[in-house]
Amino acid sequence: MDKVKLDIDRCKGCYLCIANCKLGAISKADKPNKKGVIPVKVDQEKCVQCGNCYTMCPDLVFEIL
């Protein structure tokens, strides 16, 4: 079951979410988004829904489920 939903096309590659995820649940994805930016991906197993990514993201990429 997913804990976080992503809108990867909103990601601009600032990676503040990666820097602020204390559990290392967020990393760079393998393919670019529609903007040509490498977006982020979430390891749903590691995620504890703390909301740090949601709080830090300036582009509303994250939705905590």
C-alpha atoms as a PDB file:
ATOM      1  CA  MET A   1       0.000   0.000   0.000  1.00  0.00           C
ATOM      2  CA  ASP A   2       1.390   3.390  -1.011  1.00  0.00           C
ATOM      3  CA  LYS A   3       2.039   5.913   1.737  1.00  0.00           C
ATOM      4  CA  VAL A   4       2.925   8.847  -0.506  1.00  0.00           C
ATOM      5  CA  LYS A   5       1.635   9.828  -3.927  1.00  0.00           C
ATOM      6  CA  LEU A   6       3.865  11.833  -6.279  1.00  0.00           C
ATOM      7  CA  ASP A   7       3.128  14.218  -9.112  1.00  0.00           C
ATOM      8  CA  ILE A   8       6.532  13.782 -10.767  1.00  0.00           C
ATOM      9  CA  ASP A   9       5.782  16.229 -13.569  1.00  0.00           C
ATOM     10  CA  ARG A  10       5.747  19.047 -10.985  1.00  0.00           C
ATOM     11  CA  CYS A  11       9.279  18.150  -9.793  1.00  0.00           C
ATOM     12  CA  LYS A  12      11.947  20.687 -10.797  1.00  0.00           C
ATOM     13  CA  GLY A  13      14.859  18.756  -9.316  1.00  0.00           C
ATOM     14  CA  CYS A  14      15.717  20.852  -6.274  1.00  0.00           C
ATOM     15  CA  TYR A  15      15.999  17.645  -4.204  1.00  0.00           C
ATOM     16  CA  LEU A  16      15.180  19.359  -0.906  1.00  0.00           C
ATOM     17  CA  CYS A  17      13.033  16.330  -0.159  1.00  0.00           C
ATOM     18  CA  ILE A  18      16.016  13.965  -0.521  1.00  0.00           C
ATOM     19  CA  ALA A  19      18.148  16.158   1.748  1.00  0.00           C
ATOM     20  CA  ASN A  20      15.425  16.259   4.412  1.00  0.00           C
ATOM     21  CA  CYS A  21      14.285  12.625   4.408  1.00  0.00           C
ATOM     22  CA  LYS A  22      15.881  11.254   7.570  1.00  0.00           C
ATOM     23  CA  LEU A  23      15.096   7.646   6.598  1.00  0.00           C
ATOM     24  CA  GLY A  24      16.536   7.833   3.094  1.00  0.00           C
ATOM     25  CA  ALA A  25      13.188   6.869   1.571  1.00  0.00           C
ATOM     26  CA  ILE A  26      13.482   9.388  -1.292  1.00  0.00           C
ATOM     27  CA  SER A  27      15.952   9.157  -4.158  1.00  0.00           C
ATOM     28  CA  LYS A  28      16.310  10.222  -7.773  1.00  0.00           C
ATOM     29  CA  ALA A  29      14.184   8.352 -10.309  1.00  0.00           C
ATOM     30  CA  ASP A  30      15.612   6.613 -13.370  1.00  0.00           C
ATOM     31  CA  LYS A  31      13.878   8.617 -16.115  1.00  0.00           C
ATOM     32  CA  PRO A  32      13.244  12.330 -16.666  1.00  0.00           C
ATOM     33  CA  ASN A  33       9.793  13.852 -16.314  1.00  0.00           C
ATOM     34  CA  LYS A  34       8.007  15.936 -18.985  1.00  0.00           C
ATOM     35  CA  LYS A  35      10.215  18.921 -18.112  1.00  0.00           C
ATOM     36  CA  GLY A  36      13.366  16.891 -18.776  1.00  0.00           C
ATOM     37  CA  VAL A  37      14.227  16.882 -15.064  1.00  0.00           C
ATOM     38  CA  ILE A  38      15.144  13.734 -13.152  1.00  0.00           C
ATOM     39  CA  PRO A  39      12.320  13.624 -10.583  1.00  0.00           C
ATOM     40  CA  VAL A  40      12.282  11.824  -7.259  1.00  0.00           C
ATOM     41  CA  LYS A  41      10.883   8.468  -6.246  1.00  0.00           C
ATOM     42  CA  VAL A  42       9.805   7.142  -2.854  1.00  0.00           C
ATOM     43  CA  ASP A  43      10.644   3.776  -1.335  1.00  0.00           C
ATOM     44  CA  GLN A  44       7.200   3.075   0.105  1.00  0.00           C
ATOM     45  CA  GLU A  45       8.657   0.424   2.446  1.00  0.00           C
ATOM     46  CA  LYS A  46      11.016   2.899   4.146  1.00  0.00           C
ATOM     47  CA  CYS A  47       8.509   5.764   4.271  1.00  0.00           C
ATOM     48  CA  VAL A  48       6.843   6.460   7.646  1.00  0.00           C
ATOM     49  CA  GLN A  49       4.619   9.326   6.388  1.00  0.00           C
ATOM     50  CA  CYS A  50       6.428  11.909   8.529  1.00  0.00           C
ATOM     51  CA  GLY A  51       5.599  14.700   6.071  1.00  0.00           C
ATOM     52  CA  ASN A  52       9.087  16.228   5.796  1.00  0.00           C
ATOM     53  CA  CYS A  53       9.020  15.867   2.014  1.00  0.00           C
ATOM     54  CA  TYR A  54       5.599  17.508   1.821  1.00  0.00           C
ATOM     55  CA  THR A  55       6.736  20.391   4.030  1.00  0.00           C
ATOM     56  CA  MET A  56      10.020  21.002   2.188  1.00  0.00           C
ATOM     57  CA  CYS A  57       8.761  20.681  -1.397  1.00  0.00           C
ATOM     58  CA  PRO A  58       8.133  24.099  -3.001  1.00  0.00           C
ATOM     59  CA  ASP A  59       6.289  22.515  -5.940  1.00  0.00           C
ATOM     60  CA  LEU A  60       3.637  20.365  -4.229  1.00  0.00           C
ATOM     61  CA  VAL A  61       5.004  17.111  -5.631  1.00  0.00           C
ATOM     62  CA  PHE A  62       4.005  15.059  -2.571  1.00  0.00           C
ATOM     63  CA  GLU A  63       0.652  13.941  -1.197  1.00  0.00           C
ATOM     64  CA  ILE A  64       0.757  12.022   2.085  1.00  0.00           C
ATOM     65  CA  LEU A  65      -1.897   9.304   1.959  1.00  0.00           C
END
